[in-house]
PDB file of all heavy atoms in Angstrom:
ATOM      1  N   ASP A   1       0.829  -1.200   0.000  1.00  0.00           N
ATOM      2  CA  ASP A   1       0.000   0.000   0.000  1.00  0.00           C
ATOM      3  C   ASP A   1       0.866   1.254   0.000  1.00  0.00           C
ATOM      4  O   ASP A   1       1.841   1.353   0.756  1.00  0.00           O
ATOM      5  CB  ASP A   1      -0.911   0.020   1.232  1.00  0.00           C
ATOM      6  CG  ASP A   1      -1.844  -1.166   1.278  1.00  0.00           C
ATOM      7  OD1 ASP A   1      -2.887  -1.114   0.619  1.00  0.00           O
ATOM      8  OD2 ASP A   1      -1.509  -2.156   1.966  1.00  0.00           O
ATOM      9  N   ARG A   2       0.496   2.239  -0.806  1.00  0.00           N
ATOM     10  CA  ARG A   2       1.246   3.487  -0.864  1.00  0.00           C
ATOM     11  C   ARG A   2       1.065   4.333   0.392  1.00  0.00           C
ATOM     12  O   ARG A   2       1.956   5.080   0.770  1.00  0.00           O
ATOM     13  CB  ARG A   2       0.831   4.303  -2.091  1.00  0.00           C
ATOM     14  CG  ARG A   2       1.354   3.748  -3.391  1.00  0.00           C
ATOM     15  CD  ARG A   2       1.217   4.728  -4.534  1.00  0.00           C
ATOM     16  NE  ARG A   2       1.842   4.185  -5.744  1.00  0.00           N
ATOM     17  CZ  ARG A   2       3.133   4.286  -6.015  1.00  0.00           C
ATOM     18  NH1 ARG A   2       3.933   4.928  -5.189  1.00  0.00           N
ATOM     19  NH2 ARG A   2       3.628   3.756  -7.119  1.00  0.00           N
ATOM     20  N   ALA A   3      -0.084   4.255   1.014  1.00  0.00           N
ATOM     21  CA  ALA A   3      -0.361   5.031   2.224  1.00  0.00           C
ATOM     22  C   ALA A   3      -0.370   4.096   3.429  1.00  0.00           C
ATOM     23  O   ALA A   3      -1.023   3.049   3.408  1.00  0.00           O
ATOM     24  CB  ALA A   3      -1.694   5.749   2.096  1.00  0.00           C
ATOM     25  N   GLN A   4       0.361   4.465   4.475  1.00  0.00           N
ATOM     26  CA  GLN A   4       0.423   3.682   5.689  1.00  0.00           C
ATOM     27  C   GLN A   4       0.296   4.614   6.897  1.00  0.00           C
ATOM     28  O   GLN A   4       0.553   5.812   6.801  1.00  0.00           O
ATOM     29  CB  GLN A   4       1.735   2.896   5.768  1.00  0.00           C
ATOM     30  CG  GLN A   4       1.937   1.945   4.606  1.00  0.00           C
ATOM     31  CD  GLN A   4       3.208   1.125   4.723  1.00  0.00           C
ATOM     32  OE1 GLN A   4       3.862   1.098   5.754  1.00  0.00           O
ATOM     33  NE2 GLN A   4       3.576   0.458   3.637  1.00  0.00           N
ATOM     34  N   PHE A   5      -0.089   4.047   8.023  1.00  0.00           N
ATOM     35  CA  PHE A   5      -0.228   4.847   9.232  1.00  0.00           C
ATOM     36  C   PHE A   5       0.147   4.022  10.456  1.00  0.00           C
ATOM     37  O   PHE A   5       0.156   2.788  10.418  1.00  0.00           O
ATOM     38  CB  PHE A   5      -1.666   5.374   9.372  1.00  0.00           C
ATOM     39  CG  PHE A   5      -2.699   4.282   9.534  1.00  0.00           C
ATOM     40  CD1 PHE A   5      -3.055   3.805  10.789  1.00  0.00           C
ATOM     41  CD2 PHE A   5      -3.316   3.730   8.421  1.00  0.00           C
ATOM     42  CE1 PHE A   5      -3.997   2.796  10.936  1.00  0.00           C
ATOM     43  CE2 PHE A   5      -4.262   2.728   8.549  1.00  0.00           C
ATOM     44  CZ  PHE A   5      -4.597   2.252   9.814  1.00  0.00           C
ATOM     45  N   ASP A   6       0.481   4.715  11.531  1.00  0.00           N
ATOM     46  CA  ASP A   6       0.749   4.057  12.807  1.00  0.00           C
ATOM     47  C   ASP A   6       0.332   4.983  13.933  1.00  0.00           C
ATOM     48  O   ASP A   6       0.188   6.199  13.750  1.00  0.00           O
ATOM     49  CB  ASP A   6       2.224   3.675  12.934  1.00  0.00           C
ATOM     50  CG  ASP A   6       3.145   4.869  12.948  1.00  0.00           C
ATOM     51  OD1 ASP A   6       3.460   5.393  11.855  1.00  0.00           O
ATOM     52  OD2 ASP A   6       3.559   5.294  14.046  1.00  0.00           O
ATOM     53  N   TYR A   7       0.139   4.422  15.104  1.00  0.00           N
ATOM     54  CA  TYR A   7      -0.335   5.197  16.249  1.00  0.00           C
ATOM     55  C   TYR A   7       0.032   4.491  17.546  1.00  0.00           C
ATOM     56  O   TYR A   7       0.339   3.286  17.558  1.00  0.00           O
ATOM     57  CB  TYR A   7      -1.869   5.367  16.183  1.00  0.00           C
ATOM     58  CG  TYR A   7      -2.603   4.046  16.104  1.00  0.00           C
ATOM     59  CD1 TYR A   7      -2.920   3.316  17.244  1.00  0.00           C
ATOM     60  CD2 TYR A   7      -2.939   3.506  14.859  1.00  0.00           C
ATOM     61  CE1 TYR A   7      -3.564   2.097  17.157  1.00  0.00           C
ATOM     62  CE2 TYR A   7      -3.588   2.296  14.760  1.00  0.00           C
ATOM     63  CZ  TYR A   7      -3.905   1.591  15.917  1.00  0.00           C
ATOM     64  OH  TYR A   7      -4.544   0.381  15.825  1.00  0.00           O
ATOM     65  N   SER A   8      -0.010   5.239  18.648  1.00  0.00           N
ATOM     66  CA  SER A   8       0.172   4.645  19.969  1.00  0.00           C
ATOM     67  C   SER A   8      -0.414   5.577  21.020  1.00  0.00           C
ATOM     68  O   SER A   8      -0.414   6.804  20.866  1.00  0.00           O
ATOM     69  CB  SER A   8       1.647   4.365  20.269  1.00  0.00           C
ATOM     70  OG  SER A   8       2.376   5.576  20.380  1.00  0.00           O
ATOM     71  N   LEU A   9      -0.914   4.978  22.089  1.00  0.00           N
ATOM     72  CA  LEU A   9      -1.391   5.684  23.269  1.00  0.00           C
ATOM     73  C   LEU A   9      -0.756   5.007  24.464  1.00  0.00           C
ATOM     74  O   LEU A   9      -0.721   3.768  24.550  1.00  0.00           O
ATOM     75  CB  LEU A   9      -2.915   5.614  23.380  1.00  0.00           C
ATOM     76  CG  LEU A   9      -3.725   6.321  22.288  1.00  0.00           C
ATOM     77  CD1 LEU A   9      -5.211   5.979  22.436  1.00  0.00           C
ATOM     78  CD2 LEU A   9      -3.529   7.830  22.382  1.00  0.00           C
ATOM     79  N   GLY A  10      -0.218   5.794  25.392  1.00  0.00           N
ATOM     80  CA  GLY A  10       0.475   5.170  26.509  1.00  0.00           C
ATOM     81  C   GLY A  10       0.493   6.014  27.763  1.00  0.00           C
ATOM     82  O   GLY A  10       0.106   7.186  27.762  1.00  0.00           O
ATOM     83  N   VAL A  11       0.952   5.395  28.820  1.00  0.00           N
ATOM     84  CA  VAL A  11       1.156   6.072  30.093  1.00  0.00           C
ATOM     85  C   VAL A  11       2.563   5.749  30.568  1.00  0.00           C
ATOM     86  O   VAL A  11       3.038   4.617  30.404  1.00  0.00           O
ATOM     87  CB  VAL A  11       0.094   5.636  31.132  1.00  0.00           C
ATOM     88  CG1 VAL A  11       0.129   4.126  31.356  1.00  0.00           C
ATOM     89  CG2 VAL A  11       0.308   6.365  32.457  1.00  0.00           C
ATOM     90  N   ALA A  12       3.250   6.732  31.117  1.00  0.00           N
ATOM     91  CA  ALA A  12       4.628   6.555  31.568  1.00  0.00           C
ATOM     92  C   ALA A  12       4.762   7.032  32.999  1.00  0.00           C
ATOM     93  O   ALA A  12       4.117   7.997  33.419  1.00  0.00           O
ATOM     94  CB  ALA A  12       5.597   7.313  30.665  1.00  0.00           C
ATOM     95  N   ARG A  13       5.640   6.375  33.738  1.00  0.00           N
ATOM     96  CA  ARG A  13       5.898   6.715  35.134  1.00  0.00           C
ATOM     97  C   ARG A  13       7.393   6.668  35.384  1.00  0.00           C
ATOM     98  O   ARG A  13       8.053   5.676  35.076  1.00  0.00           O
ATOM     99  CB  ARG A  13       5.184   5.731  36.053  1.00  0.00           C
ATOM    100  CG  ARG A  13       5.580   5.770  37.510  1.00  0.00           C
ATOM    101  CD  ARG A  13       5.161   7.056  38.188  1.00  0.00           C
ATOM    102  NE  ARG A  13       5.288   6.960  39.639  1.00  0.00           N
ATOM    103  CZ  ARG A  13       5.336   8.009  40.457  1.00  0.00           C
ATOM    104  NH1 ARG A  13       5.249   9.237  39.955  1.00  0.00           N
ATOM    105  NH2 ARG A  13       5.432   7.825  41.757  1.00  0.00           N
ATOM    106  N   ARG A  14       7.942   7.760  35.911  1.00  0.00           N
ATOM    107  CA  ARG A  14       9.354   7.790  36.263  1.00  0.00           C
ATOM    108  C   ARG A  14       9.516   7.440  37.738  1.00  0.00           C
ATOM    109  O   ARG A  14       8.889   8.051  38.604  1.00  0.00           O
ATOM    110  CB  ARG A  14       9.968   9.161  35.995  1.00  0.00           C
ATOM    111  CG  ARG A  14      11.469   9.218  36.304  1.00  0.00           C
ATOM    112  CD  ARG A  14      12.101  10.462  35.761  1.00  0.00           C
ATOM    113  NE  ARG A  14      12.132  10.480  34.312  1.00  0.00           N
ATOM    114  CZ  ARG A  14      13.051   9.850  33.579  1.00  0.00           C
ATOM    115  NH1 ARG A  14      14.006   9.140  34.177  1.00  0.00           N
ATOM    116  NH2 ARG A  14      13.027   9.915  32.272  1.00  0.00           N
ATOM    117  N   ILE A  15      10.364   6.439  37.972  1.00  0.00           N
ATOM    118  CA  ILE A  15      10.644   5.987  39.333  1.00  0.00           C
ATOM    119  C   ILE A  15      12.149   6.015  39.516  1.00  0.00           C
ATOM    120  O   ILE A  15      12.865   5.120  39.060  1.00  0.00           O
ATOM    121  CB  ILE A  15      10.104   4.563  39.583  1.00  0.00           C
ATOM    122  CG1 ILE A  15       8.617   4.487  39.215  1.00  0.00           C
ATOM    123  CG2 ILE A  15      10.319   4.154  41.030  1.00  0.00           C
ATOM    124  CD1 ILE A  15       8.060   3.088  39.233  1.00  0.00           C
ATOM    125  N   GLY A  16      12.659   7.075  40.137  1.00  0.00           N
ATOM    126  CA  GLY A  16      14.107   7.240  40.257  1.00  0.00           C
ATOM    127  C   GLY A  16      14.711   7.429  38.886  1.00  0.00           C
ATOM    128  O   GLY A  16      14.320   8.317  38.138  1.00  0.00           O
ATOM    129  N   ARG A  17      15.656   6.578  38.520  1.00  0.00           N
ATOM    130  CA  ARG A  17      16.314   6.652  37.213  1.00  0.00           C
ATOM    131  C   ARG A  17      15.620   5.796  36.162  1.00  0.00           C
ATOM    132  O   ARG A  17      16.022   5.782  35.002  1.00  0.00           O
ATOM    133  CB  ARG A  17      17.774   6.224  37.341  1.00  0.00           C
ATOM    134  CG  ARG A  17      18.618   7.133  38.238  1.00  0.00           C
ATOM    135  CD  ARG A  17      20.005   6.560  38.424  1.00  0.00           C
ATOM    136  NE  ARG A  17      20.696   6.402  37.154  1.00  0.00           N
ATOM    137  CZ  ARG A  17      21.798   5.674  36.984  1.00  0.00           C
ATOM    138  NH1 ARG A  17      22.308   4.994  38.012  1.00  0.00           N
ATOM    139  NH2 ARG A  17      22.382   5.599  35.806  1.00  0.00           N
ATOM    140  N   ILE A  18      14.572   5.082  36.568  1.00  0.00           N
ATOM    141  CA  ILE A  18      13.855   4.191  35.661  1.00  0.00           C
ATOM    142  C   ILE A  18      12.612   4.882  35.117  1.00  0.00           C
ATOM    143  O   ILE A  18      11.837   5.492  35.865  1.00  0.00           O
ATOM    144  CB  ILE A  18      13.446   2.889  36.364  1.00  0.00           C
ATOM    145  CG1 ILE A  18      14.675   2.170  36.930  1.00  0.00           C
ATOM    146  CG2 ILE A  18      12.673   1.978  35.415  1.00  0.00           C
ATOM    147  CD1 ILE A  18      15.637   1.674  35.878  1.00  0.00           C
ATOM    148  N   ASP A  19      12.435   4.808  33.798  1.00  0.00           N
ATOM    149  CA  ASP A  19      11.227   5.313  33.157  1.00  0.00           C
ATOM    150  C   ASP A  19      10.471   4.117  32.596  1.00  0.00           C
ATOM    151  O   ASP A  19      10.983   3.406  31.720  1.00  0.00           O
ATOM    152  CB  ASP A  19      11.573   6.295  32.038  1.00  0.00           C
ATOM    153  CG  ASP A  19      10.343   7.012  31.513  1.00  0.00           C
ATOM    154  OD1 ASP A  19       9.814   7.857  32.246  1.00  0.00           O
ATOM    155  OD2 ASP A  19       9.920   6.726  30.367  1.00  0.00           O
ATOM    156  N   ALA A  20       9.265   3.862  33.115  1.00  0.00           N
ATOM    157  CA  ALA A  20       8.458   2.723  32.679  1.00  0.00           C
ATOM    158  C   ALA A  20       7.297   3.218  31.826  1.00  0.00           C
ATOM    159  O   ALA A  20       6.680   4.248  32.153  1.00  0.00           O
ATOM    160  CB  ALA A  20       7.934   1.954  33.881  1.00  0.00           C
ATOM    161  N   GLN A  21       6.984   2.489  30.734  1.00  0.00           N
ATOM    162  CA  GLN A  21       5.908   2.885  29.835  1.00  0.00           C
ATOM    163  C   GLN A  21       5.050   1.685  29.464  1.00  0.00           C
ATOM    164  O   GLN A  21       5.559   0.608  29.154  1.00  0.00           O
ATOM    165  CB  GLN A  21       6.465   3.516  28.557  1.00  0.00           C
ATOM    166  CG  GLN A  21       7.177   4.836  28.762  1.00  0.00           C
ATOM    167  CD  GLN A  21       7.495   5.533  27.445  1.00  0.00           C
ATOM    168  OE1 GLN A  21       6.875   5.263  26.423  1.00  0.00           O
ATOM    169  NE2 GLN A  21       8.467   6.425  27.471  1.00  0.00           N
ATOM    170  N   LEU A  22       3.738   1.904  29.499  1.00  0.00           N
ATOM    171  CA  LEU A  22       2.765   0.921  29.042  1.00  0.00           C
ATOM    172  C   LEU A  22       2.021   1.567  27.874  1.00  0.00           C
ATOM    173  O   LEU A  22       1.512   2.682  28.004  1.00  0.00           O
ATOM    174  CB  LEU A  22       1.788   0.564  30.159  1.00  0.00           C
ATOM    175  CG  LEU A  22       0.656  -0.413  29.798  1.00  0.00           C
ATOM    176  CD1 LEU A  22       1.221  -1.790  29.485  1.00  0.00           C
ATOM    177  CD2 LEU A  22      -0.358  -0.487  30.935  1.00  0.00           C
ATOM    178  N   ALA A  23       1.951   0.886  26.722  1.00  0.00           N
ATOM    179  CA  ALA A  23       1.377   1.512  25.537  1.00  0.00           C
ATOM    180  C   ALA A  23       0.557   0.518  24.732  1.00  0.00           C
ATOM    181  O   ALA A  23       0.831  -0.682  24.713  1.00  0.00           O
ATOM    182  CB  ALA A  23       2.475   2.106  24.656  1.00  0.00           C
ATOM    183  N   TRP A  24      -0.443   1.061  24.059  1.00  0.00           N
ATOM    184  CA  TRP A  24      -1.198   0.333  23.051  1.00  0.00           C
ATOM    185  C   TRP A  24      -0.788   0.926  21.709  1.00  0.00           C
ATOM    186  O   TRP A  24      -0.878   2.124  21.483  1.00  0.00           O
ATOM    187  CB  TRP A  24      -2.691   0.507  23.276  1.00  0.00           C
ATOM    188  CG  TRP A  24      -3.539  -0.101  22.188  1.00  0.00           C
ATOM    189  CD1 TRP A  24      -3.573  -1.406  21.804  1.00  0.00           C
ATOM    190  CD2 TRP A  24      -4.492   0.590  21.371  1.00  0.00           C
ATOM    191  NE1 TRP A  24      -4.484  -1.577  20.776  1.00  0.00           N
ATOM    192  CE2 TRP A  24      -5.066  -0.364  20.499  1.00  0.00           C
ATOM    193  CE3 TRP A  24      -4.914   1.907  21.284  1.00  0.00           C
ATOM    194  CZ2 TRP A  24      -6.028  -0.036  19.549  1.00  0.00           C
ATOM    195  CZ3 TRP A  24      -5.878   2.239  20.333  1.00  0.00           C
ATOM    196  CH2 TRP A  24      -6.428   1.273  19.485  1.00  0.00           C
ATOM    197  N   THR A  25      -0.315   0.081  20.809  1.00  0.00           N
ATOM    198  CA  THR A  25       0.243   0.558  19.551  1.00  0.00           C
ATOM    199  C   THR A  25      -0.295  -0.254  18.388  1.00  0.00           C
ATOM    200  O   THR A  25      -0.706  -1.416  18.552  1.00  0.00           O
ATOM    201  CB  THR A  25       1.786   0.465  19.584  1.00  0.00           C
ATOM    202  OG1 THR A  25       2.326   0.906  18.342  1.00  0.00           O
ATOM    203  CG2 THR A  25       2.242  -0.956  19.831  1.00  0.00           C
ATOM    204  N   GLY A  26      -0.302   0.363  17.214  1.00  0.00           N
ATOM    205  CA  GLY A  26      -0.788  -0.347  16.044  1.00  0.00           C
ATOM    206  C   GLY A  26      -0.510   0.430  14.773  1.00  0.00           C
ATOM    207  O   GLY A  26       0.132   1.475  14.789  1.00  0.00           O
ATOM    208  N   GLY A  27      -1.004  -0.090  13.674  1.00  0.00           N
ATOM    209  CA  GLY A  27      -0.786   0.550  12.380  1.00  0.00           C
ATOM    210  C   GLY A  27      -1.533  -0.190  11.293  1.00  0.00           C
ATOM    211  O   GLY A  27      -2.203  -1.189  11.542  1.00  0.00           O
ATOM    212  N   GLY A  28      -1.397   0.308  10.074  1.00  0.00           N
ATOM    213  CA  GLY A  28      -2.083  -0.328   8.975  1.00  0.00           C
ATOM    214  C   GLY A  28      -1.715   0.338   7.650  1.00  0.00           C
ATOM    215  O   GLY A  28      -0.897   1.242   7.614  1.00  0.00           O
ATOM    216  N   PRO A  29      -2.302  -0.116   6.576  1.00  0.00           N
ATOM    217  CA  PRO A  29      -3.233  -1.252   6.524  1.00  0.00           C
ATOM    218  C   PRO A  29      -2.500  -2.589   6.532  1.00  0.00           C
ATOM    219  O   PRO A  29      -1.282  -2.632   6.459  1.00  0.00           O
ATOM    220  CB  PRO A  29      -3.955  -1.025   5.201  1.00  0.00           C
ATOM    221  CG  PRO A  29      -2.927  -0.337   4.346  1.00  0.00           C
ATOM    222  CD  PRO A  29      -2.159   0.559   5.279  1.00  0.00           C
ATOM    223  N   GLY A  30      -3.255  -3.672   6.600  1.00  0.00           N
ATOM    224  CA  GLY A  30      -2.656  -5.003   6.546  1.00  0.00           C
ATOM    225  C   GLY A  30      -2.255  -5.537   7.898  1.00  0.00           C
ATOM    226  O   GLY A  30      -2.512  -4.941   8.945  1.00  0.00           O
ATOM    227  N   THR A  31      -1.604  -6.672   7.886  1.00  0.00           N
ATOM    228  CA  THR A  31      -1.172  -7.361   9.089  1.00  0.00           C
ATOM    229  C   THR A  31       0.326  -7.617   9.026  1.00  0.00           C
ATOM    230  O   THR A  31       0.960  -7.490   7.986  1.00  0.00           O
ATOM    231  CB  THR A  31      -1.898  -8.712   9.244  1.00  0.00           C
ATOM    232  OG1 THR A  31      -1.594  -9.529   8.110  1.00  0.00           O
ATOM    233  CG2 THR A  31      -3.404  -8.523   9.341  1.00  0.00           C
ATOM    234  N   ASP A  32       0.904  -7.960  10.176  1.00  0.00           N
ATOM    235  CA  ASP A  32       2.275  -8.450  10.219  1.00  0.00           C
ATOM    236  C   ASP A  32       2.275  -9.945   9.898  1.00  0.00           C
ATOM    237  O   ASP A  32       1.282 -10.642  10.130  1.00  0.00           O
ATOM    238  CB  ASP A  32       2.873  -8.253  11.607  1.00  0.00           C
ATOM    239  CG  ASP A  32       3.576  -6.921  11.749  1.00  0.00           C
ATOM    240  OD1 ASP A  32       3.916  -6.317  10.720  1.00  0.00           O
ATOM    241  OD2 ASP A  32       3.781  -6.483  12.883  1.00  0.00           O
ATOM    242  N   VAL A  33       3.383 -10.443   9.403  1.00  0.00           N
ATOM    243  CA  VAL A  33       3.560 -11.881   9.215  1.00  0.00           C
ATOM    244  C   VAL A  33       4.893 -12.255   9.825  1.00  0.00           C
ATOM    245  O   VAL A  33       5.950 -11.812   9.371  1.00  0.00           O
ATOM    246  CB  VAL A  33       3.538 -12.287   7.723  1.00  0.00           C
ATOM    247  CG1 VAL A  33       3.772 -13.788   7.594  1.00  0.00           C
ATOM    248  CG2 VAL A  33       2.219 -11.895   7.087  1.00  0.00           C
ATOM    249  N   TYR A  34       4.872 -13.049  10.891  1.00  0.00           N
ATOM    250  CA  TYR A  34       6.105 -13.547  11.484  1.00  0.00           C
ATOM    251  C   TYR A  34       5.837 -14.880  12.172  1.00  0.00           C
ATOM    252  O   TYR A  34       4.717 -15.185  12.564  1.00  0.00           O
ATOM    253  CB  TYR A  34       6.732 -12.546  12.449  1.00  0.00           C
ATOM    254  CG  TYR A  34       5.855 -11.998  13.547  1.00  0.00           C
ATOM    255  CD1 TYR A  34       5.752 -12.662  14.773  1.00  0.00           C
ATOM    256  CD2 TYR A  34       5.171 -10.808  13.382  1.00  0.00           C
ATOM    257  CE1 TYR A  34       4.975 -12.148  15.789  1.00  0.00           C
ATOM    258  CE2 TYR A  34       4.385 -10.291  14.397  1.00  0.00           C
ATOM    259  CZ  TYR A  34       4.294 -10.967  15.595  1.00  0.00           C
ATOM    260  OH  TYR A  34       3.508 -10.453  16.608  1.00  0.00           O
ATOM    261  N   ARG A  35       6.918 -15.675  12.254  1.00  0.00           N
ATOM    262  CA  ARG A  35       6.830 -17.051  12.742  1.00  0.00           C
ATOM    263  C   ARG A  35       5.766 -17.836  11.976  1.00  0.00           C
ATOM    264  O   ARG A  35       5.050 -18.665  12.533  1.00  0.00           O
ATOM    265  CB  ARG A  35       6.572 -17.059  14.253  1.00  0.00           C
ATOM    266  CG  ARG A  35       7.825 -16.809  15.064  1.00  0.00           C
ATOM    267  CD  ARG A  35       7.582 -16.883  16.547  1.00  0.00           C
ATOM    268  NE  ARG A  35       7.082 -15.618  17.067  1.00  0.00           N
ATOM    269  CZ  ARG A  35       6.566 -15.463  18.276  1.00  0.00           C
ATOM    270  NH1 ARG A  35       6.469 -16.500  19.076  1.00  0.00           N
ATOM    271  NH2 ARG A  35       6.152 -14.286  18.680  1.00  0.00           N
ATOM    272  N   GLY A  36       5.663 -17.544  10.658  1.00  0.00           N
ATOM    273  CA  GLY A  36       4.800 -18.325   9.789  1.00  0.00           C
ATOM    274  C   GLY A  36       3.332 -18.016   9.879  1.00  0.00           C
ATOM    275  O   GLY A  36       2.511 -18.714   9.269  1.00  0.00           O
ATOM    276  N   ARG A  37       2.948 -16.931  10.591  1.00  0.00           N
ATOM    277  CA  ARG A  37       1.534 -16.630  10.773  1.00  0.00           C
ATOM    278  C   ARG A  37       1.279 -15.141  10.568  1.00  0.00           C
ATOM    279  O   ARG A  37       2.124 -14.307  10.887  1.00  0.00           O
ATOM    280  CB  ARG A  37       1.067 -17.026  12.180  1.00  0.00           C
ATOM    281  CG  ARG A  37       1.082 -18.519  12.463  1.00  0.00           C
ATOM    282  CD  ARG A  37       0.716 -18.776  13.914  1.00  0.00           C
ATOM    283  NE  ARG A  37      -0.550 -18.130  14.285  1.00  0.00           N
ATOM    284  CZ  ARG A  37      -0.999 -18.027  15.537  1.00  0.00           C
ATOM    285  NH1 ARG A  37      -0.264 -18.510  16.537  1.00  0.00           N
ATOM    286  NH2 ARG A  37      -2.151 -17.438  15.788  1.00  0.00           N
ATOM    287  N   ALA A  38       0.096 -14.814  10.033  1.00  0.00           N
ATOM    288  CA  ALA A  38      -0.340 -13.423   9.949  1.00  0.00           C
ATOM    289  C   ALA A  38      -0.800 -12.980  11.332  1.00  0.00           C
ATOM    290  O   ALA A  38      -1.540 -13.706  12.014  1.00  0.00           O
ATOM    291  CB  ALA A  38      -1.478 -13.288   8.944  1.00  0.00           C
ATOM    292  N   ARG A  39      -0.352 -11.788  11.746  1.00  0.00           N
ATOM    293  CA  ARG A  39      -0.665 -11.317  13.091  1.00  0.00           C
ATOM    294  C   ARG A  39      -1.135  -9.871  13.040  1.00  0.00           C
ATOM    295  O   ARG A  39      -0.749  -9.104  12.174  1.00  0.00           O
ATOM    296  CB  ARG A  39       0.550 -11.446  14.018  1.00  0.00           C
ATOM    297  CG  ARG A  39       1.020 -12.889  14.149  1.00  0.00           C
ATOM    298  CD  ARG A  39       2.285 -12.999  14.977  1.00  0.00           C
ATOM    299  NE  ARG A  39       2.761 -14.379  15.014  1.00  0.00           N
ATOM    300  CZ  ARG A  39       2.445 -15.263  15.948  1.00  0.00           C
ATOM    301  NH1 ARG A  39       1.633 -14.898  16.930  1.00  0.00           N
ATOM    302  NH2 ARG A  39       2.914 -16.491  15.920  1.00  0.00           N
ATOM    303  N   SER A  40      -1.949  -9.521  13.997  1.00  0.00           N
ATOM    304  CA  SER A  40      -2.488  -8.173  14.071  1.00  0.00           C
ATOM    305  C   SER A  40      -1.369  -7.151  14.246  1.00  0.00           C
ATOM    306  O   SER A  40      -0.356  -7.426  14.896  1.00  0.00           O
ATOM    307  CB  SER A  40      -3.474  -8.058  15.243  1.00  0.00           C
ATOM    308  OG  SER A  40      -3.834  -6.710  15.479  1.00  0.00           O
ATOM    309  N   ARG A  41      -1.550  -5.948  13.665  1.00  0.00           N
ATOM    310  CA  ARG A  41      -0.593  -4.878  13.861  1.00  0.00           C
ATOM    311  C   ARG A  41      -0.741  -4.239  15.242  1.00  0.00           C
ATOM    312  O   ARG A  41       0.114  -3.466  15.668  1.00  0.00           O
ATOM    313  CB  ARG A  41      -0.800  -3.809  12.776  1.00  0.00           C
ATOM    314  CG  ARG A  41      -0.507  -4.275  11.359  1.00  0.00           C
ATOM    315  CD  ARG A  41       0.965  -4.249  11.037  1.00  0.00           C
ATOM    316  NE  ARG A  41       1.471  -2.895  10.994  1.00  0.00           N
ATOM    317  CZ  ARG A  41       1.418  -2.098   9.934  1.00  0.00           C
ATOM    318  NH1 ARG A  41       0.835  -2.518   8.827  1.00  0.00           N
ATOM    319  NH2 ARG A  41       1.925  -0.886   9.969  1.00  0.00           N
ATOM    320  N   GLN A  42      -1.818  -4.514  15.953  1.00  0.00           N
ATOM    321  CA  GLN A  42      -2.039  -3.944  17.270  1.00  0.00           C
ATOM    322  C   GLN A  42      -1.341  -4.777  18.340  1.00  0.00           C
ATOM    323  O   GLN A  42      -1.274  -6.002  18.240  1.00  0.00           O
ATOM    324  CB  GLN A  42      -3.530  -3.855  17.584  1.00  0.00           C
ATOM    325  CG  GLN A  42      -4.292  -2.939  16.645  1.00  0.00           C
ATOM    326  CD  GLN A  42      -5.763  -2.846  16.990  1.00  0.00           C
ATOM    327  OE1 GLN A  42      -6.254  -3.548  17.864  1.00  0.00           O
ATOM    328  NE2 GLN A  42      -6.482  -1.971  16.301  1.00  0.00           N
ATOM    329  N   ALA A  43      -0.810  -4.093  19.354  1.00  0.00           N
ATOM    330  CA  ALA A  43      -0.127  -4.797  20.439  1.00  0.00           C
ATOM    331  C   ALA A  43      -0.086  -3.914  21.677  1.00  0.00           C
ATOM    332  O   ALA A  43      -0.143  -2.684  21.588  1.00  0.00           O
ATOM    333  CB  ALA A  43       1.295  -5.168  20.023  1.00  0.00           C
ATOM    334  N   VAL A  44       0.007  -4.552  22.809  1.00  0.00           N
ATOM    335  CA  VAL A  44       0.238  -3.863  24.079  1.00  0.00           C
ATOM    336  C   VAL A  44       1.688  -4.100  24.466  1.00  0.00           C
ATOM    337  O   VAL A  44       2.149  -5.251  24.501  1.00  0.00           O
ATOM    338  CB  VAL A  44      -0.699  -4.375  25.188  1.00  0.00           C
ATOM    339  CG1 VAL A  44      -0.343  -3.725  26.524  1.00  0.00           C
ATOM    340  CG2 VAL A  44      -2.153  -4.086  24.829  1.00  0.00           C
ATOM    341  N   THR A  45       2.415  -3.023  24.712  1.00  0.00           N
ATOM    342  CA  THR A  45       3.839  -3.152  25.027  1.00  0.00           C
ATOM    343  C   THR A  45       4.134  -2.561  26.392  1.00  0.00           C
ATOM    344  O   THR A  45       3.524  -1.577  26.822  1.00  0.00           O
ATOM    345  CB  THR A  45       4.705  -2.433  23.983  1.00  0.00           C
ATOM    346  OG1 THR A  45       4.411  -1.030  23.991  1.00  0.00           O
ATOM    347  CG2 THR A  45       4.454  -3.000  22.594  1.00  0.00           C
ATOM    348  N   LEU A  46       5.101  -3.172  27.048  1.00  0.00           N
ATOM    349  CA  LEU A  46       5.619  -2.690  28.331  1.00  0.00           C
ATOM    350  C   LEU A  46       7.113  -2.507  28.180  1.00  0.00           C
ATOM    351  O   LEU A  46       7.813  -3.416  27.705  1.00  0.00           O
ATOM    352  CB  LEU A  46       5.310  -3.693  29.446  1.00  0.00           C
ATOM    353  CG  LEU A  46       5.826  -3.320  30.836  1.00  0.00           C
ATOM    354  CD1 LEU A  46       5.175  -2.034  31.344  1.00  0.00           C
ATOM    355  CD2 LEU A  46       5.575  -4.470  31.824  1.00  0.00           C
TER     356      LEU A  46
END
């Protein structure tokens, strides 16, 4: 596809020297393909 997009929404907390982030991320169009399977572009990351 000639046009693609991505996005993420998250929350971050700094604790001393550590910065922790929890995010919901995704993109399109289409899906990812890895380990032999088509997979959603959406994911929750820590």
